[in-house]
Protein backbone atom coordinates (compact mmCIF):
# COMPACT_ATOMS: atom_id res chain seq x y z
CA MET A 1 -57.60 89.27 43.38
CA SER A 2 -55.92 92.64 42.91
CA HIS A 3 -55.33 94.25 39.57
CA THR A 4 -51.58 93.70 39.99
CA GLN A 5 -52.10 89.99 40.65
CA VAL A 6 -54.27 89.66 37.55
CA ILE A 7 -51.63 91.34 35.40
CA PHE A 8 -48.92 89.08 36.93
CA MET A 9 -50.94 85.91 36.18
CA VAL A 10 -51.60 87.00 32.61
CA HIS A 11 -47.88 87.66 32.18
CA ILE A 12 -47.01 84.19 33.49
CA ASN A 13 -49.52 82.54 31.16
CA TYR A 14 -48.20 84.59 28.25
CA VAL A 15 -44.61 83.51 28.94
CA ALA A 16 -45.67 79.87 29.30
CA ASP A 17 -47.57 80.04 26.01
CA ALA A 18 -44.57 81.62 24.30
CA ASP A 19 -42.29 78.86 25.58
CA ASP A 20 -44.72 76.23 24.35
CA LEU A 21 -44.79 77.90 20.96
CA LEU A 22 -40.99 77.93 20.77
CA VAL A 23 -40.81 74.22 21.67
CA ALA A 24 -43.56 73.37 19.20
CA SER A 25 -41.82 75.43 16.53
CA ALA A 26 -38.51 73.66 17.16
CA GLN A 27 -40.19 70.26 17.06
CA SER A 28 -41.99 71.21 13.88
CA SER A 29 -38.74 72.37 12.26
CA THR A 30 -36.97 69.16 13.27
CA THR A 31 -39.83 67.05 11.91
CA ALA A 32 -39.87 69.04 8.68
CA LEU A 33 -36.11 68.65 8.25
CA SER A 34 -36.37 64.91 8.93
CA ARG A 35 -39.09 64.62 6.31
CA LEU A 36 -36.99 66.66 3.88
CA LEU A 37 -33.91 64.48 4.36
CA ALA A 38 -35.94 61.27 4.13
CA ALA A 39 -37.52 62.46 0.89
CA GLU A 40 -34.14 63.35 -0.56
CA ARG A 41 -32.71 59.97 0.41
CA GLU A 42 -35.54 58.38 -1.57
CA GLU A 43 -34.74 60.70 -4.48
CA ALA A 44 -31.07 59.70 -4.21
CA LYS A 45 -32.09 56.02 -4.36
CA ALA A 46 -34.16 56.73 -7.45
CA VAL A 47 -31.25 58.51 -9.15
CA LEU A 48 -28.86 55.67 -8.29
CA SER A 49 -31.32 53.10 -9.60
CA LEU A 50 -31.78 55.13 -12.80
CA PHE A 51 -28.02 55.39 -13.28
CA LEU A 52 -27.49 51.64 -12.80
CA ARG A 53 -30.23 50.91 -15.35
CA GLN A 54 -28.49 53.24 -17.78
CA LYS A 55 -25.36 51.12 -17.26
CA GLY A 56 -27.23 48.00 -18.36
CA LEU A 57 -28.55 46.48 -15.13
CA ARG A 58 -32.08 45.13 -15.07
CA SER A 59 -34.63 47.30 -13.25
CA ALA A 60 -35.12 44.81 -10.42
CA VAL A 61 -31.37 44.45 -9.89
CA ALA A 62 -30.78 48.20 -9.92
CA ALA A 63 -33.61 48.78 -7.43
CA ARG A 64 -32.32 46.06 -5.11
CA ILE A 65 -28.81 47.53 -5.08
CA ALA A 66 -30.15 51.03 -4.39
CA ASN A 67 -32.42 49.81 -1.59
CA LYS A 68 -29.77 47.87 0.28
CA SER A 69 -26.90 50.37 -0.04
CA ASP A 70 -27.80 52.62 2.89
CA GLY A 71 -24.24 53.78 3.49
CA PHE A 72 -23.83 54.94 -0.08
CA ILE A 73 -27.24 56.65 -0.09
CA GLU A 74 -26.17 58.62 3.00
CA HIS A 75 -23.01 59.54 1.10
CA LEU A 76 -25.10 60.83 -1.82
CA SER A 77 -27.25 62.81 0.62
CA SER A 78 -24.14 64.48 2.00
CA LYS A 79 -23.19 65.35 -1.57
CA LEU A 80 -26.53 67.10 -1.99
CA GLN A 81 -26.07 69.00 1.26
CA SER A 82 -22.65 70.20 0.10
CA ALA A 83 -23.94 71.19 -3.33
CA TYR A 84 -26.99 73.07 -2.05
CA ARG A 85 -25.98 74.56 1.30
CA SER A 86 -28.06 77.70 0.82
CA ARG A 87 -31.18 75.69 0.07
CA TYR A 88 -30.78 73.69 3.27
CA ALA A 89 -30.25 76.90 5.26
CA GLU A 90 -33.55 78.19 3.88
CA GLY A 91 -35.29 74.87 4.51
CA ARG A 92 -36.37 74.61 0.88
CA GLU A 93 -36.88 71.20 -0.72
CA LEU A 94 -34.76 70.34 -3.76
CA SER A 95 -36.49 69.53 -7.01
CA THR A 96 -35.91 66.21 -8.80
CA PRO A 97 -33.98 67.92 -11.66
CA GLU A 98 -31.71 69.63 -9.11
CA ILE A 99 -30.98 66.32 -7.41
CA ARG A 100 -30.25 64.62 -10.72
CA ASP A 101 -28.03 67.49 -11.85
CA ALA A 102 -25.95 67.11 -8.69
CA LEU A 103 -25.72 63.32 -8.54
CA LEU A 104 -25.63 61.95 -12.10
CA PRO A 105 -22.30 63.61 -13.07
CA TYR A 106 -20.81 62.38 -9.80
CA LEU A 107 -22.02 58.82 -10.42
CA GLU A 108 -20.70 58.94 -13.98
CA ALA A 109 -17.28 60.02 -12.73
CA LEU A 110 -17.36 57.31 -10.08
CA SER A 111 -18.21 54.75 -12.76
CA LYS A 112 -15.23 55.79 -14.86
CA GLU A 113 -13.03 55.54 -11.78
CA HIS A 114 -14.06 52.07 -10.64
CA GLY A 115 -15.37 50.47 -13.84
CA ASP A 116 -16.72 46.97 -13.23
CA SER A 117 -16.15 47.38 -9.49
CA LEU A 118 -18.72 50.18 -9.15
CA VAL A 119 -21.48 47.97 -7.76
CA GLU A 120 -19.11 46.59 -5.11
CA VAL A 121 -18.13 50.13 -4.14
CA VAL A 122 -21.80 51.11 -3.83
CA GLU A 123 -22.91 48.04 -1.89
CA ASN A 124 -19.98 48.04 0.54
CA PHE A 125 -19.52 51.78 1.10
CA PRO A 126 -17.50 53.17 2.79
CA ASP A 127 -15.10 50.19 2.63
CA PRO A 128 -15.51 48.74 -0.85
CA PHE A 129 -13.46 45.59 -0.41
CA SER A 130 -13.57 44.91 3.33
CA ALA A 131 -9.84 45.36 3.36
CA GLU A 132 -7.29 46.97 5.60
CA ARG A 133 -6.68 50.46 4.20
CA GLU A 134 -3.88 52.88 4.31
CA SER A 135 -4.75 55.94 6.40
CA LEU A 136 -6.32 57.70 3.41
CA SER A 137 -9.42 59.82 3.45
CA TYR A 138 -12.52 58.32 1.88
CA SER A 139 -12.47 61.17 -0.59
CA MET A 140 -9.19 59.87 -1.99
CA ILE A 141 -10.52 56.32 -2.30
CA LEU A 142 -14.07 56.99 -3.42
CA THR A 143 -14.28 60.46 -4.87
CA PRO A 144 -13.10 60.26 -8.47
CA THR A 145 -12.19 63.90 -8.90
CA SER A 146 -9.66 64.83 -11.53
CA SER A 147 -7.47 66.45 -8.87
CA ASN A 148 -7.29 63.21 -6.88
CA LYS A 149 -6.39 61.29 -10.02
CA GLN A 150 -3.77 63.82 -10.99
CA LYS A 151 -2.19 63.70 -7.52
CA ALA A 152 -2.09 59.91 -7.56
CA ILE A 153 -0.63 59.76 -11.06
CA ALA A 154 1.94 62.40 -10.16
CA ARG A 155 2.94 60.28 -7.17
CA VAL A 156 3.99 57.40 -9.45
CA SER A 157 5.37 59.67 -12.18
CA THR A 158 7.54 62.20 -10.35
CA PRO A 159 11.13 61.17 -9.53
CA THR A 160 12.27 61.41 -5.92
CA SER A 161 14.59 64.18 -4.73
CA GLY A 162 17.49 61.90 -5.66
CA GLY A 163 16.23 61.59 -9.22
CA ALA A 164 15.06 57.98 -8.93
CA LEU A 165 11.58 56.71 -9.72
CA PRO A 166 9.30 56.03 -6.71
CA GLU A 167 9.89 52.75 -4.89
CA LEU A 168 6.47 51.37 -5.90
CA VAL A 169 7.25 51.95 -9.57
CA LEU A 170 10.72 50.40 -9.36
CA TYR A 171 9.32 47.34 -7.61
CA LEU A 172 6.63 46.76 -10.24
CA LEU A 173 9.01 47.44 -13.14
CA ASP A 174 11.12 44.59 -11.79
CA TYR A 175 8.11 42.28 -12.22
CA GLY A 176 7.60 43.21 -15.84
CA MET A 177 5.08 46.04 -15.67
CA ASP A 178 5.92 49.09 -17.73
CA HIS A 179 5.51 52.60 -16.40
CA GLU A 180 2.41 53.36 -18.45
CA GLU A 181 0.68 50.22 -17.15
CA ILE A 182 1.34 51.35 -13.59
CA LYS A 183 -0.17 54.75 -14.36
CA ASN A 184 -3.23 53.05 -15.85
CA VAL A 185 -3.69 51.03 -12.66
CA VAL A 186 -3.55 54.26 -10.65
CA ARG A 187 -6.07 55.92 -13.00
CA LYS A 188 -8.41 53.02 -12.33
CA PHE A 189 -7.76 52.92 -8.59
CA PRO A 190 -5.94 56.03 -7.27
CA ALA A 191 -5.48 54.63 -3.75
CA PHE A 192 -2.99 52.14 -5.19
CA ALA A 193 -0.42 54.93 -5.54
CA TYR A 194 -0.39 55.32 -1.75
CA TYR A 195 0.13 51.66 -0.80
CA ASN A 196 3.35 51.01 1.08
CA VAL A 197 5.61 48.62 -0.85
CA ASP A 198 7.01 46.76 2.16
CA ARG A 199 3.72 46.49 4.08
CA LYS A 200 1.27 46.03 1.22
CA ILE A 201 2.68 45.13 -2.18
CA LYS A 202 5.59 42.82 -1.32
CA PRO A 203 3.70 40.56 1.12
CA LEU A 204 0.95 39.94 -1.44
CA VAL A 205 3.40 39.30 -4.29
CA GLU A 206 5.43 36.92 -2.14
CA LEU A 207 2.26 35.01 -1.20
CA LEU A 208 1.24 34.75 -4.86
CA LEU A 209 4.67 33.40 -5.78
CA GLU A 210 4.47 30.85 -2.95
CA LEU A 211 1.11 29.69 -4.31
CA GLY A 212 2.70 29.02 -7.68
CA VAL A 213 1.82 32.15 -9.62
CA PRO A 214 4.67 32.75 -12.09
CA ARG A 215 6.48 36.09 -11.98
CA SER A 216 5.01 36.82 -15.40
CA GLY A 217 1.51 36.48 -13.92
CA ILE A 218 1.96 39.17 -11.26
CA PRO A 219 1.38 42.18 -13.58
CA GLY A 220 -1.89 40.71 -14.88
CA ILE A 221 -3.25 40.19 -11.36
CA ILE A 222 -2.36 43.73 -10.31
CA ARG A 223 -3.84 45.19 -13.51
CA LYS A 224 -7.12 43.32 -13.00
CA ARG A 225 -7.47 43.79 -9.25
CA PRO A 226 -5.11 46.31 -7.63
CA GLN A 227 -7.44 46.30 -4.60
CA LEU A 228 -5.95 42.92 -3.62
CA CYS A 229 -2.87 44.78 -2.41
CA GLY A 230 -4.97 46.57 0.20
CA ILE A 231 -6.31 43.41 1.83
CA SER A 232 -4.76 42.27 5.09
CA LEU A 233 -3.11 38.88 4.62
CA THR A 234 -3.53 37.80 8.23
CA ASP A 235 -7.00 39.21 8.89
CA ASN A 236 -8.68 38.66 5.53
CA LEU A 237 -6.84 36.89 2.74
CA LYS A 238 -5.40 33.82 4.46
CA PRO A 239 -8.52 33.11 6.56
CA MET A 240 -10.63 33.37 3.40
CA MET A 241 -8.31 30.97 1.57
CA ALA A 242 -8.53 28.50 4.46
CA TYR A 243 -12.33 28.73 4.37
CA MET A 244 -12.37 28.19 0.60
CA GLU A 245 -10.13 25.14 0.95
CA ASN A 246 -12.47 23.79 3.62
CA ILE A 247 -15.39 23.91 1.19
CA GLY A 248 -13.38 22.08 -1.44
CA VAL A 249 -11.35 24.58 -3.46
CA ASN A 250 -8.23 22.72 -4.59
CA LYS A 251 -5.27 24.10 -2.66
CA ALA A 252 -2.90 23.08 -5.45
CA GLN A 253 -4.89 25.14 -7.96
CA TRP A 254 -4.78 28.51 -6.18
CA SER A 255 -2.39 30.01 -8.73
CA LYS A 256 -4.75 29.16 -11.60
CA VAL A 257 -7.81 30.36 -9.69
CA ILE A 258 -6.25 33.73 -8.85
CA CYS A 259 -4.82 34.26 -12.34
CA ARG A 260 -8.22 33.51 -13.87
CA PHE A 261 -10.17 35.74 -11.50
CA PRO A 262 -8.16 37.84 -9.00
CA ALA A 263 -11.37 39.29 -7.55
CA PHE A 264 -12.18 35.83 -6.14
CA LEU A 265 -10.38 36.63 -2.88
CA THR A 266 -11.91 40.08 -2.43
CA TYR A 267 -15.42 38.81 -1.68
CA SER A 268 -16.64 38.76 1.90
CA ARG A 269 -17.16 35.48 3.72
CA GLN A 270 -20.87 36.30 3.94
CA LYS A 271 -21.07 36.53 0.14
CA VAL A 272 -19.27 33.20 -0.25
CA GLU A 273 -21.49 31.50 2.33
CA ILE A 274 -24.64 32.71 0.56
CA THR A 275 -23.41 31.29 -2.75
CA VAL A 276 -22.31 27.99 -1.19
CA SER A 277 -25.63 27.67 0.64
CA TYR A 278 -27.53 28.12 -2.62
CA LEU A 279 -25.39 25.57 -4.47
CA THR A 280 -26.09 23.10 -1.66
CA GLU A 281 -29.81 23.90 -1.91
CA LEU A 282 -29.57 23.26 -5.65
CA GLY A 283 -28.27 19.76 -4.95
CA VAL A 284 -24.54 20.21 -5.56
CA SER A 285 -22.31 18.21 -3.20
CA LYS A 286 -19.61 19.88 -1.11
CA GLU A 287 -16.92 18.15 -3.15
CA ASN A 288 -18.40 19.40 -6.41
CA ILE A 289 -18.88 22.94 -5.05
CA GLY A 290 -15.12 23.10 -4.56
CA LYS A 291 -14.54 21.78 -8.07
CA ILE A 292 -16.92 24.34 -9.56
CA LEU A 293 -15.27 27.26 -7.77
CA THR A 294 -11.81 25.99 -8.69
CA ARG A 295 -12.70 25.67 -12.37
CA CYS A 296 -14.93 28.73 -12.62
CA PRO A 297 -14.17 31.22 -9.81
CA HIS A 298 -16.19 33.84 -11.73
CA LEU A 299 -19.27 32.11 -10.32
CA MET A 300 -18.63 33.97 -7.07
CA SER A 301 -19.38 37.25 -8.85
CA TYR A 302 -22.91 36.10 -9.71
CA SER A 303 -25.72 37.18 -7.40
CA VAL A 304 -27.83 34.34 -6.02
CA ASN A 305 -31.07 36.32 -6.34
CA ASP A 306 -30.31 38.07 -9.61
CA ASN A 307 -28.39 35.38 -11.51
CA LEU A 308 -28.11 31.89 -10.04
CA ARG A 309 -31.67 31.28 -8.82
CA PRO A 310 -33.54 32.80 -11.82
CA THR A 311 -31.21 31.02 -14.26
CA ALA A 312 -31.65 27.68 -12.50
CA ASP A 313 -35.42 28.18 -12.58
CA TYR A 314 -35.27 28.96 -16.29
CA PHE A 315 -33.23 25.87 -17.13
CA ARG A 316 -35.61 23.73 -15.08
CA SER A 317 -38.53 25.20 -17.04
CA ILE A 318 -37.09 23.75 -20.27
CA GLY A 319 -36.39 20.37 -18.69
CA ALA A 320 -32.70 20.74 -17.89
CA ASP A 321 -31.07 19.48 -14.69
CA ALA A 322 -29.85 22.74 -13.11
CA ALA A 323 -27.60 21.06 -10.51
CA SER A 324 -25.84 19.00 -13.17
CA LEU A 325 -25.65 21.94 -15.56
CA ILE A 326 -24.01 24.31 -13.07
CA GLN A 327 -21.28 21.69 -12.61
CA LYS A 328 -20.76 21.19 -16.34
CA CYS A 329 -21.14 24.79 -17.45
CA PRO A 330 -21.18 27.29 -14.54
CA GLN A 331 -20.54 30.19 -16.92
CA ALA A 332 -24.05 29.75 -18.34
CA PHE A 333 -25.43 31.04 -15.05
CA GLY A 334 -23.92 34.45 -15.64
CA LEU A 335 -25.81 34.97 -18.90
CA ASN A 336 -28.82 37.25 -19.27
CA ILE A 337 -32.00 35.22 -19.53
CA GLU A 338 -33.86 37.61 -21.83
CA SER A 339 -31.05 38.57 -24.20
CA LYS A 340 -29.04 35.34 -24.31
CA LEU A 341 -30.81 32.23 -23.01
CA LYS A 342 -34.32 32.72 -24.37
CA PRO A 343 -33.22 33.60 -27.94
CA ILE A 344 -31.33 30.29 -28.19
CA THR A 345 -34.28 28.32 -26.85
CA GLU A 346 -36.55 30.14 -29.31
CA PHE A 347 -34.11 29.38 -32.14
CA PHE A 348 -34.70 25.66 -31.66
CA LEU A 349 -38.44 26.03 -31.02
CA GLU A 350 -38.78 27.90 -34.33
CA ARG A 351 -37.14 24.90 -36.02
CA GLU A 352 -39.73 22.54 -34.54
CA PHE A 353 -37.68 21.10 -31.71
CA SER A 354 -39.90 20.46 -28.68
CA ILE A 355 -39.15 21.82 -25.20
CA GLU A 356 -38.43 18.25 -24.11
CA GLU A 357 -35.89 17.82 -26.92
CA ILE A 358 -34.23 21.14 -26.05
CA GLY A 359 -33.95 20.03 -22.42
CA ILE A 360 -32.28 16.79 -23.52
CA MET A 361 -29.83 18.74 -25.69
CA VAL A 362 -28.94 21.05 -22.79
CA ASN A 363 -28.39 18.09 -20.45
CA ARG A 364 -26.12 16.43 -23.00
CA PHE A 365 -24.23 19.55 -24.11
CA GLY A 366 -24.35 22.10 -21.30
CA ILE A 367 -22.57 24.92 -23.13
CA ILE A 368 -25.13 25.10 -25.94
CA HIS A 369 -26.72 28.26 -24.50
CA THR A 370 -23.34 29.98 -24.32
CA LEU A 371 -22.77 29.71 -28.07
CA SER A 372 -23.32 32.54 -30.53
CA LEU A 373 -26.43 32.39 -32.66
CA GLN A 374 -24.94 34.27 -35.60
CA GLU A 375 -21.44 32.81 -35.55
CA ASN A 376 -22.18 29.27 -34.46
CA LEU A 377 -25.71 27.88 -34.24
CA ILE A 378 -27.22 29.38 -37.40
CA PRO A 379 -24.42 28.51 -39.88
CA LYS A 380 -23.92 25.03 -38.42
CA TYR A 381 -27.64 24.30 -38.41
CA GLU A 382 -27.95 25.45 -42.01
CA TYR A 383 -25.10 23.13 -43.01
CA PHE A 384 -26.68 20.32 -40.98
CA LEU A 385 -29.79 20.60 -43.17
CA THR A 386 -27.70 20.05 -46.32
CA MET A 387 -26.34 16.75 -44.97
CA GLY A 388 -29.73 15.09 -44.94
CA TYR A 389 -29.67 13.87 -41.36
CA PRO A 390 -32.95 13.61 -39.42
CA ARG A 391 -33.48 16.19 -36.69
CA TYR A 392 -33.22 13.65 -33.87
CA GLU A 393 -29.51 13.24 -34.72
CA LEU A 394 -28.97 16.69 -33.19
CA VAL A 395 -31.02 15.75 -30.14
CA LYS A 396 -28.86 12.64 -29.70
CA PHE A 397 -25.61 14.50 -30.41
CA PRO A 398 -25.90 18.26 -29.75
CA GLN A 399 -22.09 18.28 -29.37
CA TYR A 400 -22.20 18.78 -33.14
CA PHE A 401 -22.40 22.52 -32.41
CA GLY A 402 -19.10 22.36 -30.55
CA TYR A 403 -17.02 21.30 -33.56
CA SER A 404 -15.48 23.66 -36.09
CA LEU A 405 -17.56 23.90 -39.24
CA GLU A 406 -14.61 24.52 -41.56
CA GLN A 407 -11.95 22.40 -39.88
CA ARG A 408 -13.97 19.38 -38.72
CA ILE A 409 -17.56 19.12 -39.91
CA LYS A 410 -17.17 19.92 -43.62
CA PRO A 411 -13.93 17.95 -44.17
CA ARG A 412 -15.26 14.87 -42.34
CA TYR A 413 -18.58 14.96 -44.17
CA ALA A 414 -16.84 15.36 -47.54
CA ARG A 415 -14.51 12.44 -46.78
CA MET A 416 -17.40 10.27 -45.61
CA THR A 417 -19.59 10.91 -48.64
CA GLY A 418 -16.59 10.48 -50.92
CA CYS A 419 -16.24 6.95 -49.58
CA GLY A 420 -19.93 6.28 -50.09
CA VAL A 421 -20.39 5.74 -46.38
CA ARG A 422 -23.09 7.00 -44.02
CA LEU A 423 -22.18 7.45 -40.34
CA ILE A 424 -24.19 8.87 -37.49
CA LEU A 425 -23.06 12.35 -36.36
CA ASN A 426 -21.31 11.01 -33.27
CA GLN A 427 -19.21 8.56 -35.29
CA MET A 428 -18.42 11.13 -37.94
CA LEU A 429 -17.19 13.84 -35.56
CA SER A 430 -16.16 12.56 -32.14
CA VAL A 431 -13.52 9.97 -33.01
CA SER A 432 -9.85 10.68 -33.73
CA GLU A 433 -8.61 11.05 -37.28
CA THR A 434 -7.05 7.59 -37.20
CA ARG A 435 -10.19 5.96 -35.86
CA PHE A 436 -12.31 7.86 -38.38
CA GLU A 437 -10.27 6.43 -41.26
CA GLU A 438 -10.50 2.92 -39.79
CA ILE A 439 -14.29 3.19 -39.61
CA LEU A 440 -14.49 4.45 -43.20
CA GLN A 441 -12.32 1.59 -44.47
CA LYS A 442 -14.35 -0.97 -42.57
CA LYS A 443 -17.68 0.45 -43.75
CA SER A 444 -16.62 0.97 -47.36
CA GLY A 445 -15.07 -2.51 -47.52
CA GLY A 446 -18.49 -3.97 -46.98
CA PHE A 447 -19.86 -2.46 -50.18
């Protein structure tokens, strides 16, 4: 081989090696960037979980929300990329304090914007309520910047060129809302200011009126859940109502259901099916599921894994019938086990009631765990001790705690003792005033 050929071959090998190095370098850079973004997504999850815990959610609940909200985590990652463009250009990893500094103020502002709806916004990002939207940018709907708020408020505050108030404002004023209330709705949910009256607001209001909601009830529904106005009647609302009626929700009671809990109709069908499936698993019949949701639509806001199942397990652990209890007192399943349910159970245990007796009391008077210790159970129990009844009277008649101490218990007890009569708690408290007097006369006449 000639000298020239050797040089040529070396050159070819050199070029090939250089190309390989460039490819390897590019692959390495891509891998490094992927690792960087993955790490920052995990950091974003940690910050979101931390923030939700600060807002009062249990650690397990906060972690579950953060782990399943991939769309929102990607949104937070994009926030980081916007805030630290130069760092990304240099390929430098952000520190945990830098990530927190960028995301916590944003989450705090988002919380102020959406209030109790924040978790729904996070879990369902980018479409918080699975509803048909006006052609607004996501930044207007989900970015709670002061400028967006100001623009939305100005839209419902500034008169038109003819000097009249905006059509949306005039329409709502006619239904009894005052101008300041409308502004407050917009502060809570800025996208509301951009809803078209004829295509969004009127159709919903007309449907509510058809269902029996009084005109006076319209402002309250809009104040509580302005997002309802953004839901498509034909694609979402009416099909959901038909599904609810099919599982037993009383069609004649829709007005009461919506007035009690307007958010009831904003939940996805998947969410409803999960709840219904669990109630069936618990042993509740289809007919009774409808009755429960009609009477207590708030139940739909409770998570099966975070509220319903753990609460049912807890009530079973103290001997209560969870299926029966959720029908009698569904609101008990929204209470915190550690801060509300256990302290009441411990209150009775400390007073020498057995777990079995507590279970009997819960089965007989389902709302007992919803009562206040300081304002109800403690003062009434202390007065019970002064009456000289044996403890088993409370086990037999825990409804005692449901009567007014000043207006029912004390006056009846004073009247009874004044007649020299001794009645069991049930007789003393549960009968009407007329029947109570008849019993006293009959009993005292025998002495």
